[in-house]
């Protein structure tokens, strides 16, 4: 009789477990010691703030470009050098020969 009571009690407990809220569906998986797909929560770091704005406007006078004058090259004036004065032709010394004197050229 104890076996029948134990069997009935086990049957009622088994039916009671099946009446509790359960998740419907089929799951087939392979266990590897711990769930490798689970990511542990780490707070996300956003980094330094980046402020996006238009660049600042600088107001300044327009640049002035000064072109230096070209270098001045000083050339001295040409110097006129006068030719040395011409000397009068010197007559050859008298010769002691019996030949007549040489003719003297006549200029224009």
PDB file of N, CA and C in Angstrom:
ATOM      1  N   UNK A   1       0.808  -1.177   0.000  1.00  0.00           N
ATOM      2  CA  UNK A   1       0.000   0.000   0.000  1.00  0.00           C
ATOM      3  C   UNK A   1       0.859   1.252   0.000  1.00  0.00           C
ATOM      4  N   UNK A   2       1.995   1.185   0.648  1.00  0.00           N
ATOM      5  CA  UNK A   2       2.893   2.329   0.673  1.00  0.00           C
ATOM      6  C   UNK A   2       3.430   2.626  -0.725  1.00  0.00           C
ATOM      7  N   UNK A   3       3.614   1.608  -1.492  1.00  0.00           N
ATOM      8  CA  UNK A   3       4.111   1.829  -2.842  1.00  0.00           C
ATOM      9  C   UNK A   3       3.072   2.518  -3.686  1.00  0.00           C
ATOM     10  N   UNK A   4       1.832   2.187  -3.522  1.00  0.00           N
ATOM     11  CA  UNK A   4       0.792   2.833  -4.311  1.00  0.00           C
ATOM     12  C   UNK A   4       0.688   4.294  -3.895  1.00  0.00           C
ATOM     13  N   UNK A   5       0.741   4.586  -2.609  1.00  0.00           N
ATOM     14  CA  UNK A   5       0.684   5.978  -2.156  1.00  0.00           C
ATOM     15  C   UNK A   5       1.900   6.745  -2.698  1.00  0.00           C
ATOM     16  N   UNK A   6       3.053   6.173  -2.641  1.00  0.00           N
ATOM     17  CA  UNK A   6       4.259   6.826  -3.141  1.00  0.00           C
ATOM     18  C   UNK A   6       4.133   7.072  -4.646  1.00  0.00           C
ATOM     19  N   UNK A   7       3.592   6.093  -5.358  1.00  0.00           N
ATOM     20  CA  UNK A   7       3.403   6.257  -6.796  1.00  0.00           C
ATOM     21  C   UNK A   7       2.407   7.355  -7.087  1.00  0.00           C
ATOM     22  N   UNK A   8       1.283   7.422  -6.356  1.00  0.00           N
ATOM     23  CA  UNK A   8       0.262   8.455  -6.566  1.00  0.00           C
ATOM     24  C   UNK A   8       0.851   9.815  -6.213  1.00  0.00           C
ATOM     25  N   UNK A   9       1.595   9.924  -5.152  1.00  0.00           N
ATOM     26  CA  UNK A   9       2.191  11.196  -4.756  1.00  0.00           C
ATOM     27  C   UNK A   9       3.204  11.666  -5.806  1.00  0.00           C
ATOM     28  N   UNK A  10       3.984  10.754  -6.341  1.00  0.00           N
ATOM     29  CA  UNK A  10       4.943  11.111  -7.387  1.00  0.00           C
ATOM     30  C   UNK A  10       4.223  11.531  -8.654  1.00  0.00           C
ATOM     31  N   UNK A  11       3.090  10.884  -8.956  1.00  0.00           N
ATOM     32  CA  UNK A  11       2.316  11.242 -10.147  1.00  0.00           C
ATOM     33  C   UNK A  11       1.715  12.629  -9.992  1.00  0.00           C
ATOM     34  N   UNK A  12       1.179  12.950  -8.824  1.00  0.00           N
ATOM     35  CA  UNK A  12       0.592  14.281  -8.584  1.00  0.00           C
ATOM     36  C   UNK A  12       1.688  15.340  -8.632  1.00  0.00           C
ATOM     37  N   UNK A  13       2.852  15.067  -8.076  1.00  0.00           N
ATOM     38  CA  UNK A  13       3.957  16.028  -8.106  1.00  0.00           C
ATOM     39  C   UNK A  13       4.428  16.261  -9.543  1.00  0.00           C
ATOM     40  N   UNK A  14       4.470  15.219 -10.325  1.00  0.00           N
ATOM     41  CA  UNK A  14       4.883  15.357 -11.721  1.00  0.00           C
ATOM     42  C   UNK A  14       3.866  16.160 -12.513  1.00  0.00           C
ATOM     43  N   UNK A  15       2.571  15.933 -12.267  1.00  0.00           N
ATOM     44  CA  UNK A  15       1.552  16.725 -12.956  1.00  0.00           C
ATOM     45  C   UNK A  15       1.572  18.173 -12.470  1.00  0.00           C
ATOM     46  N   UNK A  16       1.844  18.381 -11.206  1.00  0.00           N
ATOM     47  CA  UNK A  16       1.922  19.750 -10.675  1.00  0.00           C
ATOM     48  C   UNK A  16       3.084  20.531 -11.287  1.00  0.00           C
ATOM     49  N   UNK A  17       4.172  19.862 -11.520  1.00  0.00           N
ATOM     50  CA  UNK A  17       5.319  20.524 -12.150  1.00  0.00           C
ATOM     51  C   UNK A  17       4.963  20.897 -13.580  1.00  0.00           C
ATOM     52  N   UNK A  18       4.234  20.075 -14.277  1.00  0.00           N
ATOM     53  CA  UNK A  18       3.896  20.384 -15.663  1.00  0.00           C
ATOM     54  C   UNK A  18       2.860  21.495 -15.744  1.00  0.00           C
ATOM     55  N   UNK A  19       2.063  21.737 -14.661  1.00  0.00           N
ATOM     56  CA  UNK A  19       1.085  22.818 -14.703  1.00  0.00           C
ATOM     57  C   UNK A  19       1.708  24.179 -14.448  1.00  0.00           C
ATOM     58  N   UNK A  20       2.912  24.235 -13.965  1.00  0.00           N
ATOM     59  CA  UNK A  20       3.541  25.532 -13.668  1.00  0.00           C
ATOM     60  C   UNK A  20       3.905  26.228 -14.991  1.00  0.00           C
ATOM     61  N   UNK A  21       4.154  27.526 -14.900  1.00  0.00           N
ATOM     62  CA  UNK A  21       4.509  28.317 -16.102  1.00  0.00           C
ATOM     63  C   UNK A  21       5.828  27.794 -16.670  1.00  0.00           C
ATOM     64  N   UNK A  22       5.840  27.556 -17.915  1.00  0.00           N
ATOM     65  CA  UNK A  22       7.054  27.049 -18.547  1.00  0.00           C
ATOM     66  C   UNK A  22       7.248  27.752 -19.879  1.00  0.00           C
ATOM     67  N   UNK A  23       8.409  27.606 -20.425  1.00  0.00           N
ATOM     68  CA  UNK A  23       8.750  28.241 -21.687  1.00  0.00           C
ATOM     69  C   UNK A  23       8.543  27.223 -22.797  1.00  0.00           C
ATOM     70  N   UNK A  24       7.750  27.633 -23.783  1.00  0.00           N
ATOM     71  CA  UNK A  24       7.484  26.716 -24.880  1.00  0.00           C
ATOM     72  C   UNK A  24       8.585  26.853 -25.921  1.00  0.00           C
ATOM     73  N   UNK A  25       8.964  25.810 -26.509  1.00  0.00           N
ATOM     74  CA  UNK A  25       9.987  25.854 -27.543  1.00  0.00           C
ATOM     75  C   UNK A  25      10.954  24.712 -27.369  1.00  0.00           C
ATOM     76  N   UNK A  26      11.808  24.571 -28.380  1.00  0.00           N
ATOM     77  CA  UNK A  26      12.772  23.488 -28.381  1.00  0.00           C
ATOM     78  C   UNK A  26      14.150  24.118 -28.423  1.00  0.00           C
ATOM     79  N   UNK A  27      15.037  23.629 -27.625  1.00  0.00           N
ATOM     80  CA  UNK A  27      16.406  24.134 -27.597  1.00  0.00           C
ATOM     81  C   UNK A  27      17.364  22.965 -27.710  1.00  0.00           C
ATOM     82  N   UNK A  28      18.271  23.070 -28.643  1.00  0.00           N
ATOM     83  CA  UNK A  28      19.301  22.056 -28.797  1.00  0.00           C
ATOM     84  C   UNK A  28      20.615  22.817 -28.782  1.00  0.00           C
ATOM     85  N   UNK A  29      21.523  22.474 -27.924  1.00  0.00           N
ATOM     86  CA  UNK A  29      22.777  23.208 -27.837  1.00  0.00           C
ATOM     87  C   UNK A  29      23.881  22.328 -27.324  1.00  0.00           C
ATOM     88  N   UNK A  30      25.063  22.884 -27.353  1.00  0.00           N
ATOM     89  CA  UNK A  30      26.238  22.185 -26.886  1.00  0.00           C
ATOM     90  C   UNK A  30      26.846  23.039 -25.791  1.00  0.00           C
ATOM     91  N   UNK A  31      27.080  22.467 -24.625  1.00  0.00           N
ATOM     92  CA  UNK A  31      27.650  23.225 -23.522  1.00  0.00           C
ATOM     93  C   UNK A  31      29.164  23.119 -23.507  1.00  0.00           C
ATOM     94  N   UNK A  32      29.838  24.200 -23.188  1.00  0.00           N
ATOM     95  CA  UNK A  32      31.300  24.219 -23.146  1.00  0.00           C
ATOM     96  C   UNK A  32      31.726  24.761 -21.789  1.00  0.00           C
ATOM     97  N   UNK A  33      31.247  24.228 -20.717  1.00  0.00           N
ATOM     98  CA  UNK A  33      31.686  24.656 -19.407  1.00  0.00           C
ATOM     99  C   UNK A  33      31.009  25.923 -18.936  1.00  0.00           C
ATOM    100  N   UNK A  34      31.040  26.957 -19.713  1.00  0.00           N
ATOM    101  CA  UNK A  34      30.357  28.212 -19.405  1.00  0.00           C
ATOM    102  C   UNK A  34      29.880  28.801 -20.725  1.00  0.00           C
ATOM    103  N   UNK A  35      28.895  29.646 -20.679  1.00  0.00           N
ATOM    104  CA  UNK A  35      28.379  30.193 -21.948  1.00  0.00           C
ATOM    105  C   UNK A  35      29.391  31.145 -22.577  1.00  0.00           C
ATOM    106  N   UNK A  36      30.007  30.755 -23.672  1.00  0.00           N
ATOM    107  CA  UNK A  36      31.036  31.574 -24.307  1.00  0.00           C
ATOM    108  C   UNK A  36      30.441  32.738 -25.085  1.00  0.00           C
ATOM    109  N   UNK A  37      29.163  32.702 -25.373  1.00  0.00           N
ATOM    110  CA  UNK A  37      28.527  33.760 -26.139  1.00  0.00           C
ATOM    111  C   UNK A  37      28.088  34.910 -25.254  1.00  0.00           C
ATOM    112  N   UNK A  38      28.140  34.755 -23.957  1.00  0.00           N
ATOM    113  CA  UNK A  38      27.649  35.780 -23.057  1.00  0.00           C
ATOM    114  C   UNK A  38      28.724  36.835 -22.831  1.00  0.00           C
ATOM    115  N   UNK A  39      28.376  38.091 -23.034  1.00  0.00           N
ATOM    116  CA  UNK A  39      29.307  39.183 -22.773  1.00  0.00           C
ATOM    117  C   UNK A  39      28.957  39.777 -21.424  1.00  0.00           C
ATOM    118  N   UNK A  40      29.938  39.898 -20.605  1.00  0.00           N
ATOM    119  CA  UNK A  40      29.711  40.496 -19.307  1.00  0.00           C
ATOM    120  C   UNK A  40      29.576  41.999 -19.468  1.00  0.00           C
ATOM    121  N   UNK A  41      28.848  42.624 -18.606  1.00  0.00           N
ATOM    122  CA  UNK A  41      28.572  44.051 -18.711  1.00  0.00           C
ATOM    123  C   UNK A  41      29.824  44.843 -18.345  1.00  0.00           C
ATOM    124  N   UNK A  42      30.205  45.714 -19.243  1.00  0.00           N
ATOM    125  CA  UNK A  42      31.271  46.669 -18.989  1.00  0.00           C
ATOM    126  C   UNK A  42      30.713  48.034 -19.352  1.00  0.00           C
ATOM    127  N   UNK A  43      30.878  49.011 -18.489  1.00  0.00           N
ATOM    128  CA  UNK A  43      30.364  50.339 -18.846  1.00  0.00           C
ATOM    129  C   UNK A  43      31.098  50.863 -20.077  1.00  0.00           C
ATOM    130  N   UNK A  44      30.353  51.470 -20.950  1.00  0.00           N
ATOM    131  CA  UNK A  44      30.926  51.971 -22.196  1.00  0.00           C
ATOM    132  C   UNK A  44      31.587  53.311 -21.936  1.00  0.00           C
ATOM    133  N   UNK A  45      32.809  53.475 -22.438  1.00  0.00           N
ATOM    134  CA  UNK A  45      33.527  54.740 -22.269  1.00  0.00           C
ATOM    135  C   UNK A  45      33.390  55.527 -23.562  1.00  0.00           C
ATOM    136  N   UNK A  46      32.875  56.722 -23.461  1.00  0.00           N
ATOM    137  CA  UNK A  46      32.609  57.518 -24.646  1.00  0.00           C
ATOM    138  C   UNK A  46      33.833  58.302 -25.121  1.00  0.00           C
ATOM    139  N   UNK A  47      34.817  58.501 -24.274  1.00  0.00           N
ATOM    140  CA  UNK A  47      35.995  59.254 -24.684  1.00  0.00           C
ATOM    141  C   UNK A  47      35.785  60.735 -24.480  1.00  0.00           C
ATOM    142  N   UNK A  48      36.769  61.532 -24.872  1.00  0.00           N
ATOM    143  CA  UNK A  48      36.641  62.980 -24.686  1.00  0.00           C
ATOM    144  C   UNK A  48      35.579  63.555 -25.614  1.00  0.00           C
ATOM    145  N   UNK A  49      34.992  64.627 -25.168  1.00  0.00           N
ATOM    146  CA  UNK A  49      33.959  65.264 -25.991  1.00  0.00           C
ATOM    147  C   UNK A  49      34.606  65.976 -27.169  1.00  0.00           C
ATOM    148  N   UNK A  50      33.956  65.901 -28.290  1.00  0.00           N
ATOM    149  CA  UNK A  50      34.437  66.564 -29.497  1.00  0.00           C
ATOM    150  C   UNK A  50      33.435  67.654 -29.827  1.00  0.00           C
ATOM    151  N   UNK A  51      33.915  68.876 -29.883  1.00  0.00           N
ATOM    152  CA  UNK A  51      33.049  70.006 -30.197  1.00  0.00           C
ATOM    153  C   UNK A  51      33.283  70.360 -31.653  1.00  0.00           C
ATOM    154  N   UNK A  52      32.233  70.263 -32.426  1.00  0.00           N
ATOM    155  CA  UNK A  52      32.319  70.555 -33.844  1.00  0.00           C
ATOM    156  C   UNK A  52      31.708  71.930 -34.063  1.00  0.00           C
ATOM    157  N   UNK A  53      32.500  72.850 -34.567  1.00  0.00           N
ATOM    158  CA  UNK A  53      32.037  74.213 -34.812  1.00  0.00           C
ATOM    159  C   UNK A  53      32.800  74.759 -36.007  1.00  0.00           C
ATOM    160  N   UNK A  54      32.306  75.879 -36.498  1.00  0.00           N
ATOM    161  CA  UNK A  54      32.976  76.531 -37.611  1.00  0.00           C
ATOM    162  C   UNK A  54      34.311  77.087 -37.125  1.00  0.00           C
ATOM    163  N   UNK A  55      35.305  77.149 -37.980  1.00  0.00           N
ATOM    164  CA  UNK A  55      36.587  77.703 -37.550  1.00  0.00           C
ATOM    165  C   UNK A  55      36.444  79.184 -37.226  1.00  0.00           C
ATOM    166  N   UNK A  56      37.266  79.707 -36.337  1.00  0.00           N
ATOM    167  CA  UNK A  56      37.156  81.120 -35.976  1.00  0.00           C
ATOM    168  C   UNK A  56      37.518  82.012 -37.152  1.00  0.00           C
ATOM    169  N   UNK A  57      36.969  83.212 -37.152  1.00  0.00           N
ATOM    170  CA  UNK A  57      37.221  84.177 -38.216  1.00  0.00           C
ATOM    171  C   UNK A  57      38.241  85.176 -37.694  1.00  0.00           C
ATOM    172  N   UNK A  58      39.357  85.310 -38.372  1.00  0.00           N
ATOM    173  CA  UNK A  58      40.383  86.263 -38.001  1.00  0.00           C
ATOM    174  C   UNK A  58      40.292  87.442 -38.956  1.00  0.00           C
ATOM    175  N   UNK A  59      40.217  88.645 -38.397  1.00  0.00           N
ATOM    176  CA  UNK A  59      40.150  89.851 -39.211  1.00  0.00           C
ATOM    177  C   UNK A  59      41.485  90.553 -39.084  1.00  0.00           C
ATOM    178  N   UNK A  60      42.164  90.731 -40.194  1.00  0.00           N
ATOM    179  CA  UNK A  60      43.470  91.377 -40.201  1.00  0.00           C
ATOM    180  C   UNK A  60      43.611  92.130 -41.520  1.00  0.00           C
ATOM    181  N   UNK A  61      44.468  93.145 -41.542  1.00  0.00           N
ATOM    182  CA  UNK A  61      44.667  93.848 -42.816  1.00  0.00           C
ATOM    183  C   UNK A  61      45.304  92.930 -43.851  1.00  0.00           C
ATOM    184  N   UNK A  62      45.060  93.266 -45.081  1.00  0.00           N
ATOM    185  CA  UNK A  62      45.599  92.451 -46.166  1.00  0.00           C
ATOM    186  C   UNK A  62      47.121  92.524 -46.151  1.00  0.00           C
ATOM    187  N   UNK A  63      47.791  91.463 -46.480  1.00  0.00           N
ATOM    188  CA  UNK A  63      49.254  91.509 -46.479  1.00  0.00           C
ATOM    189  C   UNK A  63      49.769  92.423 -47.587  1.00  0.00           C
ATOM    190  N   UNK A  64      50.828  93.152 -47.274  1.00  0.00           N
ATOM    191  CA  UNK A  64      51.429  94.069 -48.238  1.00  0.00           C
ATOM    192  C   UNK A  64      52.743  93.453 -48.687  1.00  0.00           C
ATOM    193  N   UNK A  65      52.847  93.245 -49.944  1.00  0.00           N
ATOM    194  CA  UNK A  65      54.059  92.682 -50.503  1.00  0.00           C
ATOM    195  C   UNK A  65      54.895  93.821 -51.094  1.00  0.00           C
ATOM    196  N   UNK A  66      56.084  94.020 -50.564  1.00  0.00           N
ATOM    197  CA  UNK A  66      56.974  95.070 -51.046  1.00  0.00           C
ATOM    198  C   UNK A  66      58.045  94.402 -51.885  1.00  0.00           C
ATOM    199  N   UNK A  67      58.086  94.826 -53.129  1.00  0.00           N
ATOM    200  CA  UNK A  67      59.073  94.261 -54.044  1.00  0.00           C
ATOM    201  C   UNK A  67      60.318  95.121 -53.953  1.00  0.00           C
ATOM    202  N   UNK A  68      61.449  94.561 -53.578  1.00  0.00           N
ATOM    203  CA  UNK A  68      62.663  95.384 -53.488  1.00  0.00           C
ATOM    204  C   UNK A  68      63.096  95.833 -54.879  1.00  0.00           C
ATOM    205  N   UNK A  69      63.652  97.038 -54.967  1.00  0.00           N
ATOM    206  CA  UNK A  69      64.096  97.500 -56.293  1.00  0.00           C
ATOM    207  C   UNK A  69      65.267  96.648 -56.772  1.00  0.00           C
ATOM    208  N   UNK A  70      65.422  96.567 -58.064  1.00  0.00           N
ATOM    209  CA  UNK A  70      66.535  95.762 -58.578  1.00  0.00           C
ATOM    210  C   UNK A  70      67.864  96.410 -58.187  1.00  0.00           C
ATOM    211  N   UNK A  71      68.902  95.655 -58.093  1.00  0.00           N
ATOM    212  CA  UNK A  71      70.193  96.239 -57.715  1.00  0.00           C
ATOM    213  C   UNK A  71      70.703  97.196 -58.792  1.00  0.00           C
ATOM    214  N   UNK A  72      71.354  98.245 -58.330  1.00  0.00           N
ATOM    215  CA  UNK A  72      71.886  99.249 -59.249  1.00  0.00           C
ATOM    216  C   UNK A  72      73.340  98.906 -59.535  1.00  0.00           C
ATOM    217  N   UNK A  73      73.632  98.764 -60.788  1.00  0.00           N
ATOM    218  CA  UNK A  73      74.997  98.447 -61.197  1.00  0.00           C
ATOM    219  C   UNK A  73      75.606  99.724 -61.756  1.00  0.00           C
ATOM    220  N   UNK A  74      76.648 100.188 -61.109  1.00  0.00           N
ATOM    221  CA  UNK A  74      77.320 101.414 -61.555  1.00  0.00           C
ATOM    222  C   UNK A  74      78.557 101.022 -62.333  1.00  0.00           C
ATOM    223  N   UNK A  75      78.588 101.480 -63.559  1.00  0.00           N
ATOM    224  CA  UNK A  75      79.756 101.219 -64.392  1.00  0.00           C
ATOM    225  C   UNK A  75      80.504 102.538 -64.580  1.00  0.00           C
ATOM    226  N   UNK A  76      81.766 102.511 -64.375  1.00  0.00           N
ATOM    227  CA  UNK A  76      82.511 103.768 -64.572  1.00  0.00           C
ATOM    228  C   UNK A  76      82.518 104.147 -66.059  1.00  0.00           C
ATOM    229  N   UNK A  77      82.592 105.454 -66.274  1.00  0.00           N
ATOM    230  CA  UNK A  77      82.622 105.932 -67.657  1.00  0.00           C
ATOM    231  C   UNK A  77      83.928 105.481 -68.312  1.00  0.00           C
ATOM    232  N   UNK A  78      83.860 105.209 -69.589  1.00  0.00           N
ATOM    233  CA  UNK A  78      85.104 104.787 -70.247  1.00  0.00           C
ATOM    234  C   UNK A  78      86.155 105.915 -70.197  1.00  0.00           C
ATOM    235  N   UNK A  79      87.349 105.554 -69.971  1.00  0.00           N
ATOM    236  CA  UNK A  79      88.449 106.524 -69.884  1.00  0.00           C
ATOM    237  C   UNK A  79      89.170 106.549 -71.228  1.00  0.00           C
ATOM    238  N   UNK A  80      89.290 107.756 -71.718  1.00  0.00           N
ATOM    239  CA  UNK A  80      89.989 107.910 -73.002  1.00  0.00           C
ATOM    240  C   UNK A  80      91.464 108.088 -72.711  1.00  0.00           C
ATOM    241  N   UNK A  81      92.224 107.207 -73.230  1.00  0.00           N
ATOM    242  CA  UNK A  81      93.677 107.297 -73.074  1.00  0.00           C
ATOM    243  C   UNK A  81      94.237 107.780 -74.402  1.00  0.00           C
ATOM    244  N   UNK A  82      94.867 108.929 -74.358  1.00  0.00           N
ATOM    245  CA  UNK A  82      95.444 109.503 -75.579  1.00  0.00           C
ATOM    246  C   UNK A  82      96.685 108.712 -75.973  1.00  0.00           C
ATOM    247  N   UNK A  83      96.827 108.493 -77.260  1.00  0.00           N
ATOM    248  CA  UNK A  83      98.044 107.796 -77.694  1.00  0.00           C
ATOM    249  C   UNK A  83      99.290 108.681 -77.455  1.00  0.00           C
ATOM    250  N   UNK A  84     100.382 108.056 -77.264  1.00  0.00           N
ATOM    251  CA  UNK A  84     101.592 108.888 -77.049  1.00  0.00           C
ATOM    252  C   UNK A  84     101.879 109.735 -78.294  1.00  0.00           C
ATOM    253  N   UNK A  85     102.403 110.887 -78.058  1.00  0.00           N
ATOM    254  CA  UNK A  85     102.692 111.749 -79.232  1.00  0.00           C
ATOM    255  C   UNK A  85     103.734 111.106 -80.156  1.00  0.00           C
ATOM    256  N   UNK A  86     103.475 111.316 -81.416  1.00  0.00           N
ATOM    257  CA  UNK A  86     104.378 110.719 -82.401  1.00  0.00           C
ATOM    258  C   UNK A  86     105.671 111.547 -82.446  1.00  0.00           C
ATOM    259  N   UNK A  87     106.736 110.892 -82.495  1.00  0.00           N
ATOM    260  CA  UNK A  87     108.014 111.601 -82.584  1.00  0.00           C
ATOM    261  C   UNK A  87     108.406 111.747 -84.049  1.00  0.00           C
ATOM    262  N   UNK A  88     109.143 112.755 -84.316  1.00  0.00           N
ATOM    263  CA  UNK A  88     109.595 112.981 -85.700  1.00  0.00           C
ATOM    264  C   UNK A  88     110.586 111.887 -86.077  1.00  0.00           C
ATOM    265  N   UNK A  89     110.518 111.437 -87.311  1.00  0.00           N
ATOM    266  CA  UNK A  89     111.466 110.404 -87.694  1.00  0.00           C
ATOM    267  C   UNK A  89     112.907 110.917 -87.581  1.00  0.00           C
ATOM    268  N   UNK A  90     113.678 110.066 -87.087  1.00  0.00           N
ATOM    269  CA  UNK A  90     115.088 110.427 -86.893  1.00  0.00           C
ATOM    270  C   UNK A  90     115.856 110.043 -88.163  1.00  0.00           C
ATOM    271  N   UNK A  91     116.631 110.974 -88.601  1.00  0.00           N
ATOM    272  CA  UNK A  91     117.418 110.684 -89.812  1.00  0.00           C
ATOM    273  C   UNK A  91     118.558 109.753 -89.449  1.00  0.00           C
ATOM    274  N   UNK A  92     118.807 108.812 -90.334  1.00  0.00           N
ATOM    275  CA  UNK A  92     119.894 107.899 -90.037  1.00  0.00           C
ATOM    276  C   UNK A  92     121.233 108.659 -90.037  1.00  0.00           C
ATOM    277  N   UNK A  93     122.113 108.164 -89.297  1.00  0.00           N
ATOM    278  CA  UNK A  93     123.430 108.867 -89.302  1.00  0.00           C
ATOM    279  C   UNK A  93     124.075 108.822 -90.699  1.00  0.00           C
ATOM    280  N   UNK A  94     124.810 109.790 -90.991  1.00  0.00           N
ATOM    281  CA  UNK A  94     125.433 109.796 -92.317  1.00  0.00           C
ATOM    282  C   UNK A  94     126.348 108.571 -92.496  1.00  0.00           C
ATOM    283  N   UNK A  95     126.254 108.040 -93.641  1.00  0.00           N
ATOM    284  CA  UNK A  95     127.059 106.857 -93.886  1.00  0.00           C
ATOM    285  C   UNK A  95     128.337 107.268 -94.635  1.00  0.00           C
ATOM    286  N   UNK A  96     129.230 106.544 -94.519  1.00  0.00           N
ATOM    287  CA  UNK A  96     130.500 106.867 -95.158  1.00  0.00           C
ATOM    288  C   UNK A  96     130.682 106.097 -96.467  1.00  0.00           C
ATOM    289  N   UNK A  97     129.582 105.638 -97.042  1.00  0.00           N
ATOM    290  CA  UNK A  97     129.695 104.877 -98.278  1.00  0.00           C
ATOM    291  C   UNK A  97     129.545 105.820 -99.469  1.00  0.00           C
ATOM    292  N   UNK A  98     129.742 105.332-100.599  1.00  0.00           N
ATOM    293  CA  UNK A  98     129.696 106.118-101.802  1.00  0.00           C
ATOM    294  C   UNK A  98     128.353 106.036-102.482  1.00  0.00           C
ATOM    295  N   UNK A  99     127.393 105.442-101.819  1.00  0.00           N
ATOM    296  CA  UNK A  99     126.060 105.324-102.407  1.00  0.00           C
ATOM    297  C   UNK A  99     125.309 106.623-102.213  1.00  0.00           C
ATOM    298  N   UNK A 100     124.390 106.896-103.155  1.00  0.00           N
ATOM    299  CA  UNK A 100     123.607 108.130-102.967  1.00  0.00           C
ATOM    300  C   UNK A 100     122.651 107.971-101.771  1.00  0.00           C
ATOM    301  N   UNK A 101     122.149 109.040-101.302  1.00  0.00           N
ATOM    302  CA  UNK A 101     121.245 109.020-100.149  1.00  0.00           C
ATOM    303  C   UNK A 101     119.909 108.395-100.559  1.00  0.00           C
ATOM    304  N   UNK A 102     119.268 107.802 -99.622  1.00  0.00           N
ATOM    305  CA  UNK A 102     118.013 107.132 -99.910  1.00  0.00           C
ATOM    306  C   UNK A 102     116.918 108.168-100.140  1.00  0.00           C
ATOM    307  N   UNK A 103     115.960 107.842-101.036  1.00  0.00           N
ATOM    308  CA  UNK A 103     114.901 108.817-101.307  1.00  0.00           C
ATOM    309  C   UNK A 103     113.978 108.988-100.089  1.00  0.00           C
ATOM    310  N   UNK A 104     113.439 110.167 -99.905  1.00  0.00           N
ATOM    311  CA  UNK A 104     112.549 110.461 -98.772  1.00  0.00           C
ATOM    312  C   UNK A 104     111.127 110.387 -99.277  1.00  0.00           C
ATOM    313  N   UNK A 105     110.259 109.628 -98.618  1.00  0.00           N
ATOM    314  CA  UNK A 105     108.893 109.528 -99.112  1.00  0.00           C
ATOM    315  C   UNK A 105     108.133 110.848 -98.925  1.00  0.00           C
ATOM    316  N   UNK A 106     107.215 111.061 -99.800  1.00  0.00           N
ATOM    317  CA  UNK A 106     106.436 112.312 -99.791  1.00  0.00           C
ATOM    318  C   UNK A 106     105.009 111.973 -99.317  1.00  0.00           C
ATOM    319  N   UNK A 107     104.535 112.739 -98.370  1.00  0.00           N
ATOM    320  CA  UNK A 107     103.192 112.451 -97.857  1.00  0.00           C
ATOM    321  C   UNK A 107     102.121 113.141 -98.666  1.00  0.00           C
ATOM    322  N   UNK A 108     100.875 112.873 -98.442  1.00  0.00           N
ATOM    323  CA  UNK A 108      99.745 113.446 -99.196  1.00  0.00           C
ATOM    324  C   UNK A 108      99.507 114.827 -98.758  1.00  0.00           C
TER     325      UNK A 108
END
